[in-house]
Amino acid sequence: MPSESLHDLLAVVNSERSLLDFIAALVKDRRDAMIAEKQNPTSPYGADAGGWQNTSIEAFLEAAAAWAESTNFGLTQGFHPDNPWRRFAAFLYGGKIYE
């Protein structure tokens, strides 16, 4: 059975458990990207092998915070205010992809 994508997992976050599942998948995604990057390095001017735009903790947190500020913590992207679990998962996902 194929594993679910981070985007698919993000779409179903609605509880502590599903948030923790998402975080575990995000950690695995990062580890897999680091392995792939060591085996076949990508350009230093774009995302790494796993699509990670922000590969240091400070860049990750800065991007996540920038995403939160620019989207009102996802409200302008259609996230519901009554699901803080998904909004926080999206914050973490933003750390991966937001430029």
C-alpha atoms as a PDB file:
ATOM      1  CA  MET A   1       0.000   0.000   0.000  1.00  0.00           C
ATOM      2  CA  PRO A   2       1.506   3.391  -0.948  1.00  0.00           C
ATOM      3  CA  SER A   3       2.178   5.797   1.862  1.00  0.00           C
ATOM      4  CA  GLU A   4       0.052   8.902   2.107  1.00  0.00           C
ATOM      5  CA  SER A   5       1.603  12.185   1.064  1.00  0.00           C
ATOM      6  CA  LEU A   6       2.166  14.915   3.601  1.00  0.00           C
ATOM      7  CA  HIS A   7      -0.503  16.958   1.858  1.00  0.00           C
ATOM      8  CA  ASP A   8      -2.998  14.085   2.222  1.00  0.00           C
ATOM      9  CA  LEU A   9      -2.143  13.667   5.894  1.00  0.00           C
ATOM     10  CA  LEU A  10      -2.453  17.411   6.463  1.00  0.00           C
ATOM     11  CA  ALA A  11      -5.968  17.319   5.029  1.00  0.00           C
ATOM     12  CA  VAL A  12      -7.162  14.906   7.720  1.00  0.00           C
ATOM     13  CA  VAL A  13      -5.538  16.439  10.811  1.00  0.00           C
ATOM     14  CA  ASN A  14      -8.325  17.047  13.333  1.00  0.00           C
ATOM     15  CA  SER A  15      -7.026  15.775  16.676  1.00  0.00           C
ATOM     16  CA  GLU A  16      -3.939  15.347  18.819  1.00  0.00           C
ATOM     17  CA  ARG A  17      -3.382  11.860  17.389  1.00  0.00           C
ATOM     18  CA  SER A  18      -3.669  12.913  13.759  1.00  0.00           C
ATOM     19  CA  LEU A  19      -1.343  15.877  14.422  1.00  0.00           C
ATOM     20  CA  LEU A  20       1.239  13.529  15.932  1.00  0.00           C
ATOM     21  CA  ASP A  21       0.851  11.203  12.933  1.00  0.00           C
ATOM     22  CA  PHE A  22       1.423  14.159  10.621  1.00  0.00           C
ATOM     23  CA  ILE A  23       4.516  15.224  12.577  1.00  0.00           C
ATOM     24  CA  ALA A  24       5.922  11.681  12.412  1.00  0.00           C
ATOM     25  CA  ALA A  25       5.402  11.695   8.631  1.00  0.00           C
ATOM     26  CA  LEU A  26       7.042  15.131   8.367  1.00  0.00           C
ATOM     27  CA  VAL A  27      10.079  13.846  10.294  1.00  0.00           C
ATOM     28  CA  LYS A  28      10.291  10.801   8.007  1.00  0.00           C
ATOM     29  CA  ASP A  29       9.974  13.034   4.956  1.00  0.00           C
ATOM     30  CA  ARG A  30      12.885  15.164   6.176  1.00  0.00           C
ATOM     31  CA  ARG A  31      15.054  12.142   6.962  1.00  0.00           C
ATOM     32  CA  ASP A  32      14.322  10.649   3.543  1.00  0.00           C
ATOM     33  CA  ALA A  33      15.175  13.983   1.891  1.00  0.00           C
ATOM     34  CA  MET A  34      18.487  14.169   3.750  1.00  0.00           C
ATOM     35  CA  ILE A  35      19.415  10.656   2.578  1.00  0.00           C
ATOM     36  CA  ALA A  36      18.426  11.451  -1.017  1.00  0.00           C
ATOM     37  CA  GLU A  37      20.365  14.711  -0.882  1.00  0.00           C
ATOM     38  CA  LYS A  38      23.535  12.912   0.263  1.00  0.00           C
ATOM     39  CA  GLN A  39      23.192  10.378  -2.546  1.00  0.00           C
ATOM     40  CA  ASN A  40      22.436  12.918  -5.267  1.00  0.00           C
ATOM     41  CA  PRO A  41      22.912  16.562  -4.230  1.00  0.00           C
ATOM     42  CA  THR A  42      20.621  19.155  -5.787  1.00  0.00           C
ATOM     43  CA  SER A  43      21.380  22.769  -6.585  1.00  0.00           C
ATOM     44  CA  PRO A  44      21.998  24.956  -3.535  1.00  0.00           C
ATOM     45  CA  TYR A  45      19.667  27.552  -5.084  1.00  0.00           C
ATOM     46  CA  GLY A  46      16.392  25.679  -4.763  1.00  0.00           C
ATOM     47  CA  ALA A  47      14.572  23.063  -2.786  1.00  0.00           C
ATOM     48  CA  ASP A  48      16.448  19.933  -1.780  1.00  0.00           C
ATOM     49  CA  ALA A  49      15.735  16.412  -3.021  1.00  0.00           C
ATOM     50  CA  GLY A  50      12.589  16.148  -0.890  1.00  0.00           C
ATOM     51  CA  GLY A  51      11.193  19.549  -1.811  1.00  0.00           C
ATOM     52  CA  TRP A  52      12.403  21.165   1.415  1.00  0.00           C
ATOM     53  CA  GLN A  53      12.880  24.884   0.878  1.00  0.00           C
ATOM     54  CA  ASN A  54      14.146  25.451   4.425  1.00  0.00           C
ATOM     55  CA  THR A  55      16.747  23.010   5.666  1.00  0.00           C
ATOM     56  CA  SER A  56      17.967  24.637   8.887  1.00  0.00           C
ATOM     57  CA  ILE A  57      15.850  24.998  12.007  1.00  0.00           C
ATOM     58  CA  GLU A  58      16.062  28.787  11.879  1.00  0.00           C
ATOM     59  CA  ALA A  59      15.022  28.918   8.205  1.00  0.00           C
ATOM     60  CA  PHE A  60      12.239  26.397   8.876  1.00  0.00           C
ATOM     61  CA  LEU A  61      10.820  28.393  11.788  1.00  0.00           C
ATOM     62  CA  GLU A  62      11.201  31.697   9.958  1.00  0.00           C
ATOM     63  CA  ALA A  63       9.275  30.325   6.968  1.00  0.00           C
ATOM     64  CA  ALA A  64       6.578  28.789   9.179  1.00  0.00           C
ATOM     65  CA  ALA A  65       6.121  32.105  10.979  1.00  0.00           C
ATOM     66  CA  ALA A  66       6.035  34.004   7.682  1.00  0.00           C
ATOM     67  CA  TRP A  67       3.363  31.600   6.395  1.00  0.00           C
ATOM     68  CA  ALA A  68       1.327  32.080   9.588  1.00  0.00           C
ATOM     69  CA  GLU A  69       1.549  35.869   9.344  1.00  0.00           C
ATOM     70  CA  SER A  70       0.718  36.048   5.652  1.00  0.00           C
ATOM     71  CA  THR A  71      -2.261  33.671   5.872  1.00  0.00           C
ATOM     72  CA  ASN A  72      -3.597  34.578   9.317  1.00  0.00           C
ATOM     73  CA  PHE A  73      -2.577  31.090  10.430  1.00  0.00           C
ATOM     74  CA  GLY A  74      -4.286  29.562   7.407  1.00  0.00           C
ATOM     75  CA  LEU A  75      -7.632  31.334   7.695  1.00  0.00           C
ATOM     76  CA  THR A  76      -7.140  33.095   4.360  1.00  0.00           C
ATOM     77  CA  GLN A  77      -6.463  29.672   2.801  1.00  0.00           C
ATOM     78  CA  GLY A  78      -9.752  28.242   3.992  1.00  0.00           C
ATOM     79  CA  PHE A  79      -8.657  26.547   7.197  1.00  0.00           C
ATOM     80  CA  HIS A  80     -11.387  26.527   9.815  1.00  0.00           C
ATOM     81  CA  PRO A  81     -10.762  28.409  13.068  1.00  0.00           C
ATOM     82  CA  ASP A  82     -12.333  25.533  15.025  1.00  0.00           C
ATOM     83  CA  ASN A  83      -9.556  23.107  13.980  1.00  0.00           C
ATOM     84  CA  PRO A  84      -6.353  24.352  15.614  1.00  0.00           C
ATOM     85  CA  TRP A  85      -4.771  20.915  15.064  1.00  0.00           C
ATOM     86  CA  ARG A  86      -4.845  21.278  11.263  1.00  0.00           C
ATOM     87  CA  ARG A  87      -3.810  24.908  11.424  1.00  0.00           C
ATOM     88  CA  PHE A  88      -0.734  23.972  13.472  1.00  0.00           C
ATOM     89  CA  ALA A  89       0.057  21.087  11.105  1.00  0.00           C
ATOM     90  CA  ALA A  90      -0.156  23.578   8.223  1.00  0.00           C
ATOM     91  CA  PHE A  91       2.199  25.879  10.142  1.00  0.00           C
ATOM     92  CA  LEU A  92       4.737  23.047  10.280  1.00  0.00           C
ATOM     93  CA  TYR A  93       4.182  22.169   6.622  1.00  0.00           C
ATOM     94  CA  GLY A  94       4.729  25.829   5.796  1.00  0.00           C
ATOM     95  CA  GLY A  95       8.161  25.516   7.376  1.00  0.00           C
ATOM     96  CA  LYS A  96       8.997  22.940   4.731  1.00  0.00           C
ATOM     97  CA  ILE A  97       7.640  24.645   1.630  1.00  0.00           C
ATOM     98  CA  TYR A  98       7.125  28.375   2.244  1.00  0.00           C
ATOM     99  CA  GLU A  99       9.700  30.674   0.656  1.00  0.00           C
END
